[in-house]
Amino acid sequence: MGKFKDMFEQDLQDVFFNPDEFSDTHRLDDFNINCIEDDDGLICKYSAEFQAMNSGSHLLYVPKSELAGTRYDSPKTNMAIRYDGNLYTVNEVKDVDGVWLIFLERSS
């Protein structure tokens, strides 16, 4: 790996996904994960459709390492997830440089 990529990966853990900086601990099924919840990003992405989306939907940024070895190791669209005690459906998933972007839609 190149030096820049190594520094980038280290910054992901030490800064962006540091609970003392940007991230928070949330409950995924029966274990805790360290992630960033960005509902403003969700509103921007779905701005035209946002009123049609269920209240309580979330956009999560989760380091792939947080989900390694779990049933969420490779999240899929339409997968059911219990997040912070509520049931959600994965609306969309993207893998961006070692980080999962997971769009959760509140199940009725």
PDB file of N, CA and C in Angstrom:
ATOM      1  N   MET A   1       0.823  -1.172   0.000  1.00  0.00           N
ATOM      2  CA  MET A   1       0.000   0.000   0.000  1.00  0.00           C
ATOM      3  C   MET A   1       0.876   1.247   0.000  1.00  0.00           C
ATOM      4  N   GLY A   2       0.401   2.301  -0.669  1.00  0.00           N
ATOM      5  CA  GLY A   2       1.149   3.542  -0.710  1.00  0.00           C
ATOM      6  C   GLY A   2       1.044   4.299   0.595  1.00  0.00           C
ATOM      7  N   LYS A   3       1.998   5.184   0.795  1.00  0.00           N
ATOM      8  CA  LYS A   3       2.045   5.934   2.046  1.00  0.00           C
ATOM      9  C   LYS A   3       0.776   6.776   2.261  1.00  0.00           C
ATOM     10  N   PHE A   4       0.291   7.447   1.197  1.00  0.00           N
ATOM     11  CA  PHE A   4      -0.910   8.270   1.343  1.00  0.00           C
ATOM     12  C   PHE A   4      -2.100   7.415   1.765  1.00  0.00           C
ATOM     13  N   LYS A   5      -2.268   6.266   1.128  1.00  0.00           N
ATOM     14  CA  LYS A   5      -3.400   5.386   1.465  1.00  0.00           C
ATOM     15  C   LYS A   5      -3.293   4.910   2.912  1.00  0.00           C
ATOM     16  N   ASP A   6      -2.081   4.608   3.367  1.00  0.00           N
ATOM     17  CA  ASP A   6      -1.888   4.209   4.768  1.00  0.00           C
ATOM     18  C   ASP A   6      -2.291   5.342   5.713  1.00  0.00           C
ATOM     19  N   MET A   7      -1.887   6.563   5.373  1.00  0.00           N
ATOM     20  CA  MET A   7      -2.223   7.717   6.206  1.00  0.00           C
ATOM     21  C   MET A   7      -3.737   7.956   6.209  1.00  0.00           C
ATOM     22  N   PHE A   8      -4.367   7.796   5.049  1.00  0.00           N
ATOM     23  CA  PHE A   8      -5.806   7.968   4.932  1.00  0.00           C
ATOM     24  C   PHE A   8      -6.540   6.955   5.815  1.00  0.00           C
ATOM     25  N   GLU A   9      -6.154   5.697   5.744  1.00  0.00           N
ATOM     26  CA  GLU A   9      -6.795   4.662   6.558  1.00  0.00           C
ATOM     27  C   GLU A   9      -6.591   4.913   8.048  1.00  0.00           C
ATOM     28  N   GLN A  10      -5.420   5.387   8.418  1.00  0.00           N
ATOM     29  CA  GLN A  10      -5.158   5.703   9.818  1.00  0.00           C
ATOM     30  C   GLN A  10      -6.026   6.879  10.281  1.00  0.00           C
ATOM     31  N   ASP A  11      -6.175   7.895   9.422  1.00  0.00           N
ATOM     32  CA  ASP A  11      -7.032   9.038   9.748  1.00  0.00           C
ATOM     33  C   ASP A  11      -8.494   8.626   9.891  1.00  0.00           C
ATOM     34  N   LEU A  12      -8.941   7.681   9.075  1.00  0.00           N
ATOM     35  CA  LEU A  12     -10.317   7.201   9.205  1.00  0.00           C
ATOM     36  C   LEU A  12     -10.576   6.718  10.627  1.00  0.00           C
ATOM     37  N   GLN A  13      -9.648   5.913  11.146  1.00  0.00           N
ATOM     38  CA  GLN A  13      -9.825   5.364  12.488  1.00  0.00           C
ATOM     39  C   GLN A  13      -9.549   6.393  13.582  1.00  0.00           C
ATOM     40  N   ASP A  14      -8.481   7.160  13.429  1.00  0.00           N
ATOM     41  CA  ASP A  14      -8.051   8.058  14.502  1.00  0.00           C
ATOM     42  C   ASP A  14      -8.855   9.358  14.593  1.00  0.00           C
ATOM     43  N   VAL A  15      -9.440   9.785  13.489  1.00  0.00           N
ATOM     44  CA  VAL A  15     -10.145  11.071  13.486  1.00  0.00           C
ATOM     45  C   VAL A  15     -11.635  10.882  13.205  1.00  0.00           C
ATOM     46  N   PHE A  16     -11.974  10.430  12.001  1.00  0.00           N
ATOM     47  CA  PHE A  16     -13.378  10.384  11.601  1.00  0.00           C
ATOM     48  C   PHE A  16     -14.203   9.407  12.429  1.00  0.00           C
ATOM     49  N   PHE A  17     -13.655   8.247  12.721  1.00  0.00           N
ATOM     50  CA  PHE A  17     -14.397   7.252  13.489  1.00  0.00           C
ATOM     51  C   PHE A  17     -13.928   7.176  14.930  1.00  0.00           C
ATOM     52  N   ASN A  18     -13.393   8.276  15.417  1.00  0.00           N
ATOM     53  CA  ASN A  18     -13.006   8.407  16.815  1.00  0.00           C
ATOM     54  C   ASN A  18     -14.230   8.922  17.578  1.00  0.00           C
ATOM     55  N   PRO A  19     -14.725   8.170  18.573  1.00  0.00           N
ATOM     56  CA  PRO A  19     -15.914   8.604  19.308  1.00  0.00           C
ATOM     57  C   PRO A  19     -15.754   9.960  20.006  1.00  0.00           C
ATOM     58  N   ASP A  20     -14.525  10.388  20.233  1.00  0.00           N
ATOM     59  CA  ASP A  20     -14.294  11.697  20.845  1.00  0.00           C
ATOM     60  C   ASP A  20     -14.318  12.818  19.814  1.00  0.00           C
ATOM     61  N   GLU A  21     -14.403  12.462  18.538  1.00  0.00           N
ATOM     62  CA  GLU A  21     -14.396  13.464  17.463  1.00  0.00           C
ATOM     63  C   GLU A  21     -15.750  13.501  16.741  1.00  0.00           C
ATOM     64  N   PHE A  22     -15.962  12.580  15.789  1.00  0.00           N
ATOM     65  CA  PHE A  22     -17.142  12.641  14.933  1.00  0.00           C
ATOM     66  C   PHE A  22     -18.141  11.507  15.135  1.00  0.00           C
ATOM     67  N   SER A  23     -17.690  10.351  15.507  1.00  0.00           N
ATOM     68  CA  SER A  23     -18.585   9.185  15.524  1.00  0.00           C
ATOM     69  C   SER A  23     -19.225   8.962  16.889  1.00  0.00           C
ATOM     70  N   ASP A  24     -20.215   8.089  16.886  1.00  0.00           N
ATOM     71  CA  ASP A  24     -20.920   7.703  18.105  1.00  0.00           C
ATOM     72  C   ASP A  24     -21.089   6.193  18.113  1.00  0.00           C
ATOM     73  N   THR A  25     -21.387   5.667  19.282  1.00  0.00           N
ATOM     74  CA  THR A  25     -21.660   4.246  19.411  1.00  0.00           C
ATOM     75  C   THR A  25     -23.164   4.032  19.298  1.00  0.00           C
ATOM     76  N   HIS A  26     -23.539   3.094  18.438  1.00  0.00           N
ATOM     77  CA  HIS A  26     -24.943   2.729  18.248  1.00  0.00           C
ATOM     78  C   HIS A  26     -25.072   1.222  18.345  1.00  0.00           C
ATOM     79  N   ARG A  27     -26.286   0.766  18.567  1.00  0.00           N
ATOM     80  CA  ARG A  27     -26.569  -0.661  18.739  1.00  0.00           C
ATOM     81  C   ARG A  27     -27.063  -1.246  17.416  1.00  0.00           C
ATOM     82  N   LEU A  28     -26.397  -2.282  16.962  1.00  0.00           N
ATOM     83  CA  LEU A  28     -26.804  -3.013  15.763  1.00  0.00           C
ATOM     84  C   LEU A  28     -27.097  -4.433  16.203  1.00  0.00           C
ATOM     85  N   ASP A  29     -28.372  -4.804  16.204  1.00  0.00           N
ATOM     86  CA  ASP A  29     -28.824  -6.079  16.767  1.00  0.00           C
ATOM     87  C   ASP A  29     -28.354  -6.181  18.212  1.00  0.00           C
ATOM     88  N   ASP A  30     -27.429  -7.096  18.485  1.00  0.00           N
ATOM     89  CA  ASP A  30     -27.014  -7.304  19.880  1.00  0.00           C
ATOM     90  C   ASP A  30     -25.575  -6.880  20.146  1.00  0.00           C
ATOM     91  N   PHE A  31     -25.012  -6.040  19.279  1.00  0.00           N
ATOM     92  CA  PHE A  31     -23.653  -5.555  19.517  1.00  0.00           C
ATOM     93  C   PHE A  31     -23.558  -4.070  19.185  1.00  0.00           C
ATOM     94  N   ASN A  32     -22.534  -3.425  19.727  1.00  0.00           N
ATOM     95  CA  ASN A  32     -22.305  -2.003  19.496  1.00  0.00           C
ATOM     96  C   ASN A  32     -21.396  -1.801  18.300  1.00  0.00           C
ATOM     97  N   ILE A  33     -21.688  -0.746  17.537  1.00  0.00           N
ATOM     98  CA  ILE A  33     -20.814  -0.344  16.434  1.00  0.00           C
ATOM     99  C   ILE A  33     -20.478   1.125  16.591  1.00  0.00           C
ATOM    100  N   ASN A  34     -19.351   1.492  16.050  1.00  0.00           N
ATOM    101  CA  ASN A  34     -18.891   2.862  16.021  1.00  0.00           C
ATOM    102  C   ASN A  34     -19.186   3.386  14.615  1.00  0.00           C
ATOM    103  N   CYS A  35     -20.055   4.404  14.491  1.00  0.00           N
ATOM    104  CA  CYS A  35     -20.423   4.894  13.169  1.00  0.00           C
ATOM    105  C   CYS A  35     -20.772   6.377  13.222  1.00  0.00           C
ATOM    106  N   ILE A  36     -20.959   6.948  12.049  1.00  0.00           N
ATOM    107  CA  ILE A  36     -21.402   8.334  11.932  1.00  0.00           C
ATOM    108  C   ILE A  36     -22.796   8.303  11.317  1.00  0.00           C
ATOM    109  N   GLU A  37     -23.736   8.939  11.980  1.00  0.00           N
ATOM    110  CA  GLU A  37     -25.098   9.051  11.491  1.00  0.00           C
ATOM    111  C   GLU A  37     -25.235  10.428  10.861  1.00  0.00           C
ATOM    112  N   ASP A  38     -25.573  10.476   9.576  1.00  0.00           N
ATOM    113  CA  ASP A  38     -25.625  11.747   8.848  1.00  0.00           C
ATOM    114  C   ASP A  38     -26.988  11.911   8.186  1.00  0.00           C
ATOM    115  N   ASP A  39     -27.955  12.344   8.950  1.00  0.00           N
ATOM    116  CA  ASP A  39     -29.295  12.498   8.397  1.00  0.00           C
ATOM    117  C   ASP A  39     -29.390  13.694   7.455  1.00  0.00           C
ATOM    118  N   ASP A  40     -28.503  14.689   7.582  1.00  0.00           N
ATOM    119  CA  ASP A  40     -28.470  15.799   6.636  1.00  0.00           C
ATOM    120  C   ASP A  40     -28.065  15.300   5.249  1.00  0.00           C
ATOM    121  N   GLY A  41     -27.124  14.370   5.201  1.00  0.00           N
ATOM    122  CA  GLY A  41     -26.721  13.774   3.923  1.00  0.00           C
ATOM    123  C   GLY A  41     -27.861  13.007   3.295  1.00  0.00           C
ATOM    124  N   LEU A  42     -28.665  12.375   4.118  1.00  0.00           N
ATOM    125  CA  LEU A  42     -29.831  11.642   3.633  1.00  0.00           C
ATOM    126  C   LEU A  42     -30.836  12.605   3.009  1.00  0.00           C
ATOM    127  N   ILE A  43     -31.064  13.721   3.668  1.00  0.00           N
ATOM    128  CA  ILE A  43     -32.002  14.713   3.145  1.00  0.00           C
ATOM    129  C   ILE A  43     -31.514  15.248   1.800  1.00  0.00           C
ATOM    130  N   CYS A  44     -30.210  15.527   1.684  1.00  0.00           N
ATOM    131  CA  CYS A  44     -29.658  16.027   0.427  1.00  0.00           C
ATOM    132  C   CYS A  44     -29.807  15.000  -0.689  1.00  0.00           C
ATOM    133  N   LYS A  45     -29.524  13.742  -0.385  1.00  0.00           N
ATOM    134  CA  LYS A  45     -29.590  12.704  -1.410  1.00  0.00           C
ATOM    135  C   LYS A  45     -31.007  12.510  -1.913  1.00  0.00           C
ATOM    136  N   TYR A  46     -31.950  12.521  -1.019  1.00  0.00           N
ATOM    137  CA  TYR A  46     -33.333  12.246  -1.377  1.00  0.00           C
ATOM    138  C   TYR A  46     -34.198  13.504  -1.306  1.00  0.00           C
ATOM    139  N   SER A  47     -33.638  14.672  -1.568  1.00  0.00           N
ATOM    140  CA  SER A  47     -34.354  15.927  -1.353  1.00  0.00           C
ATOM    141  C   SER A  47     -35.718  15.956  -2.042  1.00  0.00           C
ATOM    142  N   ALA A  48     -35.809  15.500  -3.264  1.00  0.00           N
ATOM    143  CA  ALA A  48     -37.083  15.531  -3.975  1.00  0.00           C
ATOM    144  C   ALA A  48     -38.063  14.512  -3.405  1.00  0.00           C
ATOM    145  N   GLU A  49     -37.536  13.412  -2.887  1.00  0.00           N
ATOM    146  CA  GLU A  49     -38.383  12.328  -2.405  1.00  0.00           C
ATOM    147  C   GLU A  49     -38.506  12.320  -0.881  1.00  0.00           C
ATOM    148  N   PHE A  50     -37.860  13.251  -0.193  1.00  0.00           N
ATOM    149  CA  PHE A  50     -37.727  13.132   1.256  1.00  0.00           C
ATOM    150  C   PHE A  50     -39.068  13.068   1.968  1.00  0.00           C
ATOM    151  N   GLN A  51     -40.054  13.825   1.530  1.00  0.00           N
ATOM    152  CA  GLN A  51     -41.350  13.800   2.205  1.00  0.00           C
ATOM    153  C   GLN A  51     -41.987  12.419   2.130  1.00  0.00           C
ATOM    154  N   ALA A  52     -41.660  11.669   1.079  1.00  0.00           N
ATOM    155  CA  ALA A  52     -42.231  10.329   0.921  1.00  0.00           C
ATOM    156  C   ALA A  52     -41.500   9.304   1.789  1.00  0.00           C
ATOM    157  N   MET A  53     -40.280   9.637   2.234  1.00  0.00           N
ATOM    158  CA  MET A  53     -39.529   8.691   3.058  1.00  0.00           C
ATOM    159  C   MET A  53     -40.075   8.686   4.476  1.00  0.00           C
ATOM    160  N   ASN A  54     -39.970   7.547   5.105  1.00  0.00           N
ATOM    161  CA  ASN A  54     -40.442   7.420   6.481  1.00  0.00           C
ATOM    162  C   ASN A  54     -39.611   8.274   7.422  1.00  0.00           C
ATOM    163  N   SER A  55     -40.255   8.873   8.376  1.00  0.00           N
ATOM    164  CA  SER A  55     -39.548   9.614   9.409  1.00  0.00           C
ATOM    165  C   SER A  55     -38.672   8.636  10.189  1.00  0.00           C
ATOM    166  N   GLY A  56     -37.496   9.053  10.551  1.00  0.00           N
ATOM    167  CA  GLY A  56     -36.598   8.186  11.308  1.00  0.00           C
ATOM    168  C   GLY A  56     -35.626   7.419  10.440  1.00  0.00           C
ATOM    169  N   SER A  57     -35.606   7.669   9.130  1.00  0.00           N
ATOM    170  CA  SER A  57     -34.626   7.022   8.268  1.00  0.00           C
ATOM    171  C   SER A  57     -33.252   7.610   8.549  1.00  0.00           C
ATOM    172  N   HIS A  58     -32.201   6.845   8.257  1.00  0.00           N
ATOM    173  CA  HIS A  58     -30.837   7.282   8.571  1.00  0.00           C
ATOM    174  C   HIS A  58     -29.861   6.932   7.460  1.00  0.00           C
ATOM    175  N   LEU A  59     -28.821   7.742   7.361  1.00  0.00           N
ATOM    176  CA  LEU A  59     -27.658   7.449   6.532  1.00  0.00           C
ATOM    177  C   LEU A  59     -26.517   7.191   7.495  1.00  0.00           C
ATOM    178  N   LEU A  60     -25.923   5.997   7.410  1.00  0.00           N
ATOM    179  CA  LEU A  60     -24.819   5.627   8.298  1.00  0.00           C
ATOM    180  C   LEU A  60     -23.527   5.498   7.513  1.00  0.00           C
ATOM    181  N   TYR A  61     -22.447   5.967   8.120  1.00  0.00           N
ATOM    182  CA  TYR A  61     -21.094   5.714   7.631  1.00  0.00           C
ATOM    183  C   TYR A  61     -20.476   4.764   8.647  1.00  0.00           C
ATOM    184  N   VAL A  62     -20.134   3.569   8.185  1.00  0.00           N
ATOM    185  CA  VAL A  62     -19.625   2.539   9.085  1.00  0.00           C
ATOM    186  C   VAL A  62     -18.328   1.978   8.513  1.00  0.00           C
ATOM    187  N   PRO A  63     -17.228   2.008   9.284  1.00  0.00           N
ATOM    188  CA  PRO A  63     -15.996   1.386   8.785  1.00  0.00           C
ATOM    189  C   PRO A  63     -16.247  -0.104   8.547  1.00  0.00           C
ATOM    190  N   LYS A  64     -15.757  -0.613   7.442  1.00  0.00           N
ATOM    191  CA  LYS A  64     -15.956  -2.028   7.130  1.00  0.00           C
ATOM    192  C   LYS A  64     -15.450  -2.920   8.257  1.00  0.00           C
ATOM    193  N   SER A  65     -14.407  -2.482   8.954  1.00  0.00           N
ATOM    194  CA  SER A  65     -13.841  -3.272  10.050  1.00  0.00           C
ATOM    195  C   SER A  65     -14.838  -3.456  11.194  1.00  0.00           C
ATOM    196  N   GLU A  66     -15.787  -2.520  11.364  1.00  0.00           N
ATOM    197  CA  GLU A  66     -16.786  -2.616  12.425  1.00  0.00           C
ATOM    198  C   GLU A  66     -17.749  -3.781  12.198  1.00  0.00           C
ATOM    199  N   LEU A  67     -17.964  -4.138  10.937  1.00  0.00           N
ATOM    200  CA  LEU A  67     -18.929  -5.184  10.611  1.00  0.00           C
ATOM    201  C   LEU A  67     -18.282  -6.515  10.250  1.00  0.00           C
ATOM    202  N   ALA A  68     -16.951  -6.546  10.185  1.00  0.00           N
ATOM    203  CA  ALA A  68     -16.239  -7.774   9.821  1.00  0.00           C
ATOM    204  C   ALA A  68     -16.588  -8.896  10.796  1.00  0.00           C
ATOM    205  N   GLY A  69     -16.884 -10.054  10.245  1.00  0.00           N
ATOM    206  CA  GLY A  69     -17.180 -11.224  11.061  1.00  0.00           C
ATOM    207  C   GLY A  69     -18.610 -11.278  11.583  1.00  0.00           C
ATOM    208  N   THR A  70     -19.463 -10.343  11.154  1.00  0.00           N
ATOM    209  CA  THR A  70     -20.868 -10.353  11.568  1.00  0.00           C
ATOM    210  C   THR A  70     -21.728 -10.703  10.355  1.00  0.00           C
ATOM    211  N   ARG A  71     -23.010 -10.874  10.568  1.00  0.00           N
ATOM    212  CA  ARG A  71     -23.896 -11.156   9.432  1.00  0.00           C
ATOM    213  C   ARG A  71     -24.029  -9.932   8.524  1.00  0.00           C
ATOM    214  N   TYR A  72     -23.547  -8.784   8.991  1.00  0.00           N
ATOM    215  CA  TYR A  72     -23.586  -7.550   8.211  1.00  0.00           C
ATOM    216  C   TYR A  72     -22.250  -7.275   7.512  1.00  0.00           C
ATOM    217  N   ASP A  73     -21.380  -8.264   7.497  1.00  0.00           N
ATOM    218  CA  ASP A  73     -20.054  -8.117   6.886  1.00  0.00           C
ATOM    219  C   ASP A  73     -20.153  -7.509   5.493  1.00  0.00           C
ATOM    220  N   SER A  74     -21.179  -7.882   4.767  1.00  0.00           N
ATOM    221  CA  SER A  74     -21.417  -7.351   3.430  1.00  0.00           C
ATOM    222  C   SER A  74     -22.905  -7.006   3.318  1.00  0.00           C
ATOM    223  N   PRO A  75     -23.315  -5.833   3.846  1.00  0.00           N
ATOM    224  CA  PRO A  75     -24.743  -5.488   3.856  1.00  0.00           C
ATOM    225  C   PRO A  75     -25.327  -5.453   2.453  1.00  0.00           C
ATOM    226  N   LYS A  76     -26.584  -5.836   2.359  1.00  0.00           N
ATOM    227  CA  LYS A  76     -27.271  -5.910   1.067  1.00  0.00           C
ATOM    228  C   LYS A  76     -28.564  -5.093   1.112  1.00  0.00           C
ATOM    229  N   THR A  77     -28.971  -4.606  -0.041  1.00  0.00           N
ATOM    230  CA  THR A  77     -30.246  -3.916  -0.178  1.00  0.00           C
ATOM    231  C   THR A  77     -31.374  -4.852   0.245  1.00  0.00           C
ATOM    232  N   ASN A  78     -32.365  -4.310   0.905  1.00  0.00           N
ATOM    233  CA  ASN A  78     -33.556  -5.008   1.414  1.00  0.00           C
ATOM    234  C   ASN A  78     -33.283  -5.868   2.641  1.00  0.00           C
ATOM    235  N   MET A  79     -32.060  -5.847   3.162  1.00  0.00           N
ATOM    236  CA  MET A  79     -31.736  -6.581   4.387  1.00  0.00           C
ATOM    237  C   MET A  79     -32.409  -5.888   5.570  1.00  0.00           C
ATOM    238  N   ALA A  80     -32.959  -6.682   6.485  1.00  0.00           N
ATOM    239  CA  ALA A  80     -33.564  -6.136   7.701  1.00  0.00           C
ATOM    240  C   ALA A  80     -32.473  -5.947   8.755  1.00  0.00           C
ATOM    241  N   ILE A  81     -32.496  -4.798   9.413  1.00  0.00           N
ATOM    242  CA  ILE A  81     -31.498  -4.469  10.437  1.00  0.00           C
ATOM    243  C   ILE A  81     -32.227  -3.871  11.644  1.00  0.00           C
ATOM    244  N   ARG A  82     -31.843  -4.331  12.826  1.00  0.00           N
ATOM    245  CA  ARG A  82     -32.341  -3.696  14.049  1.00  0.00           C
ATOM    246  C   ARG A  82     -31.242  -2.724  14.494  1.00  0.00           C
ATOM    247  N   TYR A  83     -31.556  -1.431  14.427  1.00  0.00           N
ATOM    248  CA  TYR A  83     -30.601  -0.369  14.720  1.00  0.00           C
ATOM    249  C   TYR A  83     -31.157   0.477  15.860  1.00  0.00           C
ATOM    250  N   ASP A  84     -30.401   0.554  16.945  1.00  0.00           N
ATOM    251  CA  ASP A  84     -30.821   1.286  18.144  1.00  0.00           C
ATOM    252  C   ASP A  84     -32.238   0.883  18.585  1.00  0.00           C
ATOM    253  N   GLY A  85     -32.526  -0.402  18.481  1.00  0.00           N
ATOM    254  CA  GLY A  85     -33.789  -0.934  18.972  1.00  0.00           C
ATOM    255  C   GLY A  85     -34.955  -0.849  18.005  1.00  0.00           C
ATOM    256  N   ASN A  86     -34.766  -0.227  16.849  1.00  0.00           N
ATOM    257  CA  ASN A  86     -35.840  -0.097  15.859  1.00  0.00           C
ATOM    258  C   ASN A  86     -35.510  -0.918  14.619  1.00  0.00           C
ATOM    259  N   LEU A  87     -36.547  -1.398  13.947  1.00  0.00           N
ATOM    260  CA  LEU A  87     -36.370  -2.208  12.760  1.00  0.00           C
ATOM    261  C   LEU A  87     -36.299  -1.324  11.517  1.00  0.00           C
ATOM    262  N   TYR A  88     -35.278  -1.563  10.685  1.00  0.00           N
ATOM    263  CA  TYR A  88     -35.070  -0.815   9.445  1.00  0.00           C
ATOM    264  C   TYR A  88     -34.840  -1.790   8.303  1.00  0.00           C
ATOM    265  N   THR A  89     -35.008  -1.276   7.100  1.00  0.00           N
ATOM    266  CA  THR A  89     -34.656  -2.005   5.890  1.00  0.00           C
ATOM    267  C   THR A  89     -33.535  -1.238   5.209  1.00  0.00           C
ATOM    268  N   VAL A  90     -32.529  -1.958   4.728  1.00  0.00           N
ATOM    269  CA  VAL A  90     -31.444  -1.314   3.996  1.00  0.00           C
ATOM    270  C   VAL A  90     -31.987  -0.908   2.631  1.00  0.00           C
ATOM    271  N   ASN A  91     -32.002   0.398   2.376  1.00  0.00           N
ATOM    272  CA  ASN A  91     -32.520   0.943   1.127  1.00  0.00           C
ATOM    273  C   ASN A  91     -31.440   0.944   0.050  1.00  0.00           C
ATOM    274  N   GLU A  92     -30.201   1.231   0.465  1.00  0.00           N
ATOM    275  CA  GLU A  92     -29.079   1.316  -0.482  1.00  0.00           C
ATOM    276  C   GLU A  92     -27.791   1.140   0.294  1.00  0.00           C
ATOM    277  N   VAL A  93     -26.779   0.547  -0.349  1.00  0.00           N
ATOM    278  CA  VAL A  93     -25.469   0.343   0.276  1.00  0.00           C
ATOM    279  C   VAL A  93     -24.395   0.708  -0.737  1.00  0.00           C
ATOM    280  N   LYS A  94     -23.368   1.400  -0.259  1.00  0.00           N
ATOM    281  CA  LYS A  94     -22.206   1.714  -1.099  1.00  0.00           C
ATOM    282  C   LYS A  94     -20.940   1.445  -0.300  1.00  0.00           C
ATOM    283  N   ASP A  95     -19.929   0.942  -0.988  1.00  0.00           N
ATOM    284  CA  ASP A  95     -18.607   0.722  -0.401  1.00  0.00           C
ATOM    285  C   ASP A  95     -17.695   1.818  -0.945  1.00  0.00           C
ATOM    286  N   VAL A  96     -17.284   2.723  -0.060  1.00  0.00           N
ATOM    287  CA  VAL A  96     -16.434   3.841  -0.475  1.00  0.00           C
ATOM    288  C   VAL A  96     -15.159   3.830   0.355  1.00  0.00           C
ATOM    289  N   ASP A  97     -14.069   3.393  -0.245  1.00  0.00           N
ATOM    290  CA  ASP A  97     -12.750   3.432   0.393  1.00  0.00           C
ATOM    291  C   ASP A  97     -12.727   2.828   1.788  1.00  0.00           C
ATOM    292  N   GLY A  98     -13.312   1.640   1.932  1.00  0.00           N
ATOM    293  CA  GLY A  98     -13.267   0.948   3.219  1.00  0.00           C
ATOM    294  C   GLY A  98     -14.333   1.364   4.208  1.00  0.00           C
ATOM    295  N   VAL A  99     -15.301   2.155   3.735  1.00  0.00           N
ATOM    296  CA  VAL A  99     -16.399   2.610   4.589  1.00  0.00           C
ATOM    297  C   VAL A  99     -17.714   2.237   3.908  1.00  0.00           C
ATOM    298  N   TRP A 100     -18.610   1.619   4.674  1.00  0.00           N
ATOM    299  CA  TRP A 100     -19.948   1.344   4.165  1.00  0.00           C
ATOM    300  C   TRP A 100     -20.804   2.591   4.334  1.00  0.00           C
ATOM    301  N   LEU A 101     -21.502   3.008   3.292  1.00  0.00           N
ATOM    302  CA  LEU A 101     -22.559   4.008   3.365  1.00  0.00           C
ATOM    303  C   LEU A 101     -23.847   3.212   3.299  1.00  0.00           C
ATOM    304  N   ILE A 102     -24.599   3.246   4.382  1.00  0.00           N
ATOM    305  CA  ILE A 102     -25.796   2.420   4.492  1.00  0.00           C
ATOM    306  C   ILE A 102     -26.997   3.346   4.701  1.00  0.00           C
ATOM    307  N   PHE A 103     -27.945   3.287   3.766  1.00  0.00           N
ATOM    308  CA  PHE A 103     -29.168   4.073   3.846  1.00  0.00           C
ATOM    309  C   PHE A 103     -30.244   3.188   4.467  1.00  0.00           C
ATOM    310  N   LEU A 104     -30.690   3.550   5.664  1.00  0.00           N
ATOM    311  CA  LEU A 104     -31.696   2.771   6.380  1.00  0.00           C
ATOM    312  C   LEU A 104     -33.047   3.461   6.273  1.00  0.00           C
ATOM    313  N   GLU A 105     -34.064   2.680   5.949  1.00  0.00           N
ATOM    314  CA  GLU A 105     -35.422   3.199   5.901  1.00  0.00           C
ATOM    315  C   GLU A 105     -36.222   2.533   7.001  1.00  0.00           C
ATOM    316  N   ARG A 106     -36.895   3.305   7.788  1.00  0.00           N
ATOM    317  CA  ARG A 106     -37.661   2.801   8.932  1.00  0.00           C
ATOM    318  C   ARG A 106     -38.757   1.873   8.453  1.00  0.00           C
ATOM    319  N   SER A 107     -38.809   0.683   9.013  1.00  0.00           N
ATOM    320  CA  SER A 107     -39.868  -0.268   8.674  1.00  0.00           C
ATOM    321  C   SER A 107     -41.137   0.106   9.414  1.00  0.00           C
ATOM    322  N   SER A 108     -42.262  -0.164   8.780  1.00  0.00           N
ATOM    323  CA  SER A 108     -43.532   0.187   9.420  1.00  0.00           C
ATOM    324  C   SER A 108     -43.978  -0.863  10.389  1.00  0.00           C
TER     325      SER A 108
END
